[in-house]
Amino acid sequence: MVNRERMMSPRRMETLDLDYSTLSSALETIQCLIDKYGPDAMICEYDADYSDNKYLAVSVKVPETDQEMAKRIREEERWEADMTARDRVEFERLKAKFGDK
């Protein structure tokens, strides 16, 4: 079923480097991030572009843009149509095998 409601999607706001930080300085950094982005902001791990490395970033959930929403709906409609077509092929195969039993 295609969801036509606007959804929330994560947005990377800034990278976060806590490597070799003391717990005290990490706490300070995180408190500054809470003050800046709010207590619902998340720390997420992302893949670095063109590399096998990963990095941490602060993300916040925001409503998807009109373009993102339109793209997601098109993809969901295509997936639903593909699933319906596969189901139809499977139904016809089983109907041929077992008849109207």
N, C-alpha and C. Protein backbone atom coordinates (compact mmCIF):
# COMPACT_ATOMS: atom_id res chain seq x y z
N MET A 1 0.84 -1.17 0.00
CA MET A 1 0.00 0.00 0.00
C MET A 1 0.89 1.24 0.00
N VAL A 2 0.59 2.17 -0.87
CA VAL A 2 1.38 3.38 -1.01
C VAL A 2 1.01 4.37 0.09
N ASN A 3 2.02 4.85 0.80
CA ASN A 3 1.81 5.84 1.85
C ASN A 3 1.93 7.23 1.22
N ARG A 4 0.83 7.95 1.16
CA ARG A 4 0.81 9.27 0.52
C ARG A 4 0.93 10.41 1.54
N GLU A 5 1.19 10.06 2.79
CA GLU A 5 1.37 11.07 3.83
C GLU A 5 2.83 11.53 3.86
N ARG A 6 3.04 12.78 4.24
CA ARG A 6 4.40 13.30 4.37
C ARG A 6 5.07 12.60 5.55
N MET A 7 6.28 12.12 5.32
CA MET A 7 7.01 11.39 6.35
C MET A 7 8.16 12.24 6.87
N MET A 8 8.72 11.81 7.97
CA MET A 8 9.89 12.47 8.54
C MET A 8 11.13 11.74 8.05
N SER A 9 12.17 12.49 7.71
CA SER A 9 13.40 11.85 7.26
C SER A 9 14.59 12.50 7.97
N PRO A 10 15.62 11.70 8.23
CA PRO A 10 16.78 12.25 8.95
C PRO A 10 17.61 13.15 8.04
N ARG A 11 18.11 14.25 8.62
CA ARG A 11 19.01 15.17 7.92
C ARG A 11 20.30 15.28 8.71
N ARG A 12 21.42 15.04 8.02
CA ARG A 12 22.72 15.21 8.66
C ARG A 12 22.98 16.69 8.87
N MET A 13 23.27 17.06 10.09
CA MET A 13 23.52 18.46 10.40
C MET A 13 25.02 18.77 10.48
N GLU A 14 25.76 17.89 11.12
CA GLU A 14 27.20 18.07 11.20
C GLU A 14 27.84 16.77 11.65
N THR A 15 29.12 16.62 11.31
CA THR A 15 29.84 15.42 11.72
C THR A 15 30.21 15.53 13.19
N LEU A 16 30.51 14.40 13.76
CA LEU A 16 30.82 14.32 15.19
C LEU A 16 32.06 13.45 15.36
N ASP A 17 33.10 14.03 15.93
CA ASP A 17 34.33 13.27 16.16
C ASP A 17 34.59 13.21 17.66
N LEU A 18 34.38 12.04 18.24
CA LEU A 18 34.61 11.84 19.67
C LEU A 18 35.83 10.96 19.93
N ASP A 19 36.57 10.62 18.87
CA ASP A 19 37.74 9.76 19.05
C ASP A 19 38.72 10.38 20.02
N TYR A 20 39.16 9.59 20.94
CA TYR A 20 40.16 9.96 21.94
C TYR A 20 39.71 11.12 22.84
N SER A 21 38.42 11.39 22.88
CA SER A 21 37.89 12.41 23.80
C SER A 21 37.77 11.80 25.18
N THR A 22 37.96 12.62 26.17
CA THR A 22 37.66 12.15 27.52
C THR A 22 36.15 12.14 27.66
N LEU A 23 35.65 11.41 28.62
CA LEU A 23 34.21 11.38 28.82
C LEU A 23 33.68 12.77 29.16
N SER A 24 34.47 13.53 29.90
CA SER A 24 34.06 14.87 30.28
C SER A 24 33.94 15.78 29.05
N SER A 25 34.92 15.73 28.15
CA SER A 25 34.84 16.58 26.95
C SER A 25 33.76 16.07 25.99
N ALA A 26 33.56 14.74 25.94
CA ALA A 26 32.47 14.20 25.11
C ALA A 26 31.12 14.67 25.64
N LEU A 27 30.97 14.69 26.96
CA LEU A 27 29.73 15.17 27.57
C LEU A 27 29.50 16.63 27.22
N GLU A 28 30.56 17.43 27.28
CA GLU A 28 30.46 18.85 26.93
C GLU A 28 30.04 19.02 25.47
N THR A 29 30.67 18.26 24.58
CA THR A 29 30.35 18.33 23.16
C THR A 29 28.90 17.94 22.92
N ILE A 30 28.47 16.86 23.55
CA ILE A 30 27.09 16.41 23.36
C ILE A 30 26.10 17.40 23.94
N GLN A 31 26.42 18.01 25.06
CA GLN A 31 25.52 19.02 25.63
C GLN A 31 25.38 20.21 24.70
N CYS A 32 26.47 20.63 24.07
CA CYS A 32 26.40 21.72 23.08
C CYS A 32 25.52 21.32 21.90
N LEU A 33 25.63 20.07 21.47
CA LEU A 33 24.80 19.59 20.36
C LEU A 33 23.32 19.54 20.75
N ILE A 34 23.04 19.15 21.99
CA ILE A 34 21.65 19.15 22.48
C ILE A 34 21.11 20.57 22.49
N ASP A 35 21.92 21.52 22.96
CA ASP A 35 21.50 22.92 22.98
C ASP A 35 21.23 23.43 21.56
N LYS A 36 22.04 22.99 20.62
CA LYS A 36 21.93 23.47 19.23
C LYS A 36 20.79 22.80 18.46
N TYR A 37 20.64 21.47 18.61
CA TYR A 37 19.69 20.70 17.78
C TYR A 37 18.52 20.11 18.55
N GLY A 38 18.53 20.19 19.86
CA GLY A 38 17.44 19.65 20.66
C GLY A 38 17.73 18.25 21.15
N PRO A 39 16.98 17.80 22.17
CA PRO A 39 17.23 16.49 22.79
C PRO A 39 16.82 15.31 21.92
N ASP A 40 16.08 15.55 20.85
CA ASP A 40 15.66 14.44 19.98
C ASP A 40 16.62 14.20 18.82
N ALA A 41 17.65 15.03 18.71
CA ALA A 41 18.66 14.81 17.67
C ALA A 41 19.33 13.46 17.93
N MET A 42 19.82 12.85 16.86
CA MET A 42 20.39 11.50 16.97
C MET A 42 21.83 11.49 16.50
N ILE A 43 22.61 10.58 17.04
CA ILE A 43 23.95 10.32 16.54
C ILE A 43 23.84 9.09 15.65
N CYS A 44 24.20 9.25 14.38
CA CYS A 44 24.07 8.16 13.42
C CYS A 44 25.42 7.89 12.76
N GLU A 45 25.60 6.66 12.33
CA GLU A 45 26.82 6.28 11.63
C GLU A 45 26.53 6.28 10.13
N TYR A 46 27.41 6.89 9.36
CA TYR A 46 27.25 6.98 7.91
C TYR A 46 28.49 6.43 7.22
N ASP A 47 28.32 5.98 5.99
CA ASP A 47 29.44 5.54 5.17
C ASP A 47 30.05 6.77 4.50
N ALA A 48 31.38 6.86 4.55
CA ALA A 48 32.07 7.96 3.87
C ALA A 48 32.01 7.73 2.36
N ASP A 49 31.86 8.80 1.61
CA ASP A 49 31.81 8.70 0.15
C ASP A 49 33.13 8.15 -0.39
N TYR A 50 33.04 7.25 -1.34
CA TYR A 50 34.20 6.71 -2.05
C TYR A 50 35.23 6.06 -1.12
N SER A 51 34.74 5.46 -0.04
CA SER A 51 35.64 4.86 0.94
C SER A 51 34.89 3.79 1.72
N ASP A 52 35.65 2.91 2.36
CA ASP A 52 35.05 1.91 3.23
C ASP A 52 34.91 2.42 4.66
N ASN A 53 35.35 3.65 4.89
CA ASN A 53 35.31 4.23 6.23
C ASN A 53 33.90 4.65 6.61
N LYS A 54 33.71 4.81 7.91
CA LYS A 54 32.44 5.29 8.44
C LYS A 54 32.72 6.50 9.32
N TYR A 55 31.69 7.29 9.55
CA TYR A 55 31.84 8.44 10.44
C TYR A 55 30.53 8.68 11.17
N LEU A 56 30.61 9.41 12.27
CA LEU A 56 29.43 9.76 13.04
C LEU A 56 28.97 11.16 12.66
N ALA A 57 27.67 11.36 12.69
CA ALA A 57 27.11 12.68 12.41
C ALA A 57 25.87 12.86 13.26
N VAL A 58 25.55 14.11 13.52
CA VAL A 58 24.33 14.45 14.23
C VAL A 58 23.23 14.63 13.18
N SER A 59 22.10 13.98 13.40
CA SER A 59 20.98 14.06 12.48
C SER A 59 19.73 14.47 13.24
N VAL A 60 18.87 15.18 12.55
CA VAL A 60 17.56 15.53 13.11
C VAL A 60 16.50 15.09 12.11
N LYS A 61 15.33 14.74 12.62
CA LYS A 61 14.24 14.34 11.74
C LYS A 61 13.45 15.57 11.34
N VAL A 62 13.27 15.72 10.02
CA VAL A 62 12.52 16.84 9.47
C VAL A 62 11.52 16.29 8.46
N PRO A 63 10.45 17.03 8.18
CA PRO A 63 9.50 16.56 7.17
C PRO A 63 10.19 16.47 5.80
N GLU A 64 9.87 15.42 5.05
CA GLU A 64 10.47 15.28 3.73
C GLU A 64 10.01 16.43 2.84
N THR A 65 10.86 16.81 1.90
CA THR A 65 10.53 17.89 0.98
C THR A 65 9.49 17.39 -0.02
N ASP A 66 8.89 18.32 -0.77
CA ASP A 66 7.92 17.93 -1.79
C ASP A 66 8.57 16.99 -2.81
N GLN A 67 9.81 17.28 -3.20
CA GLN A 67 10.50 16.45 -4.19
C GLN A 67 10.78 15.05 -3.63
N GLU A 68 11.23 14.98 -2.37
CA GLU A 68 11.49 13.67 -1.76
C GLU A 68 10.20 12.87 -1.63
N MET A 69 9.13 13.55 -1.26
CA MET A 69 7.84 12.88 -1.11
C MET A 69 7.35 12.34 -2.45
N ALA A 70 7.45 13.16 -3.50
CA ALA A 70 7.00 12.73 -4.83
C ALA A 70 7.83 11.54 -5.31
N LYS A 71 9.13 11.59 -5.10
CA LYS A 71 10.00 10.48 -5.51
C LYS A 71 9.65 9.20 -4.75
N ARG A 72 9.46 9.32 -3.43
CA ARG A 72 9.12 8.14 -2.61
C ARG A 72 7.80 7.54 -3.06
N ILE A 73 6.80 8.39 -3.32
CA ILE A 73 5.49 7.89 -3.76
C ILE A 73 5.61 7.18 -5.10
N ARG A 74 6.38 7.76 -6.05
CA ARG A 74 6.59 7.10 -7.35
C ARG A 74 7.23 5.73 -7.16
N GLU A 75 8.25 5.65 -6.29
CA GLU A 75 8.92 4.37 -6.03
C GLU A 75 7.96 3.37 -5.40
N GLU A 76 7.17 3.81 -4.42
CA GLU A 76 6.22 2.91 -3.78
C GLU A 76 5.16 2.44 -4.77
N GLU A 77 4.71 3.31 -5.66
CA GLU A 77 3.73 2.90 -6.68
C GLU A 77 4.34 1.87 -7.62
N ARG A 78 5.59 2.09 -8.01
CA ARG A 78 6.27 1.13 -8.89
C ARG A 78 6.45 -0.21 -8.20
N TRP A 79 6.87 -0.18 -6.91
CA TRP A 79 7.04 -1.43 -6.15
C TRP A 79 5.71 -2.16 -6.02
N GLU A 80 4.64 -1.43 -5.76
CA GLU A 80 3.33 -2.06 -5.62
C GLU A 80 2.88 -2.68 -6.94
N ALA A 81 3.11 -1.96 -8.05
CA ALA A 81 2.75 -2.51 -9.37
C ALA A 81 3.56 -3.75 -9.68
N ASP A 82 4.87 -3.73 -9.36
CA ASP A 82 5.72 -4.90 -9.59
C ASP A 82 5.25 -6.09 -8.75
N MET A 83 4.88 -5.84 -7.50
CA MET A 83 4.41 -6.91 -6.63
C MET A 83 3.09 -7.49 -7.14
N THR A 84 2.21 -6.63 -7.60
CA THR A 84 0.93 -7.09 -8.15
C THR A 84 1.17 -7.95 -9.39
N ALA A 85 2.09 -7.52 -10.25
CA ALA A 85 2.40 -8.30 -11.46
C ALA A 85 2.99 -9.66 -11.10
N ARG A 86 3.90 -9.70 -10.12
CA ARG A 86 4.48 -10.98 -9.68
C ARG A 86 3.41 -11.88 -9.08
N ASP A 87 2.51 -11.29 -8.29
CA ASP A 87 1.43 -12.07 -7.69
C ASP A 87 0.52 -12.64 -8.78
N ARG A 88 0.24 -11.85 -9.83
CA ARG A 88 -0.62 -12.31 -10.92
C ARG A 88 0.03 -13.50 -11.64
N VAL A 89 1.33 -13.41 -11.91
CA VAL A 89 2.05 -14.50 -12.58
C VAL A 89 2.00 -15.76 -11.70
N GLU A 90 2.24 -15.59 -10.40
CA GLU A 90 2.21 -16.73 -9.48
C GLU A 90 0.81 -17.33 -9.39
N PHE A 91 -0.21 -16.47 -9.35
CA PHE A 91 -1.59 -16.94 -9.33
C PHE A 91 -1.91 -17.76 -10.57
N GLU A 92 -1.53 -17.24 -11.74
CA GLU A 92 -1.80 -17.96 -13.00
C GLU A 92 -1.06 -19.28 -13.04
N ARG A 93 0.18 -19.31 -12.52
CA ARG A 93 0.95 -20.55 -12.49
C ARG A 93 0.26 -21.58 -11.60
N LEU A 94 -0.17 -21.15 -10.41
CA LEU A 94 -0.84 -22.08 -9.50
C LEU A 94 -2.21 -22.50 -10.02
N LYS A 95 -2.90 -21.59 -10.67
CA LYS A 95 -4.20 -21.93 -11.24
C LYS A 95 -4.05 -22.97 -12.35
N ALA A 96 -3.00 -22.83 -13.17
CA ALA A 96 -2.75 -23.81 -14.22
C ALA A 96 -2.37 -25.15 -13.61
N LYS A 97 -1.66 -25.11 -12.51
CA LYS A 97 -1.21 -26.37 -11.90
C LYS A 97 -2.35 -27.07 -11.17
N PHE A 98 -3.17 -26.33 -10.43
CA PHE A 98 -4.21 -26.94 -9.59
C PHE A 98 -5.63 -26.73 -10.08
N GLY A 99 -5.81 -25.90 -11.07
CA GLY A 99 -7.16 -25.65 -11.56
C GLY A 99 -7.94 -24.77 -10.60
N ASP A 100 -9.26 -24.91 -10.61
CA ASP A 100 -10.13 -24.09 -9.76
C ASP A 100 -10.47 -24.77 -8.44
N LYS A 101 -9.60 -25.63 -7.98
CA LYS A 101 -9.89 -26.40 -6.76
C LYS A 101 -9.89 -25.53 -5.53
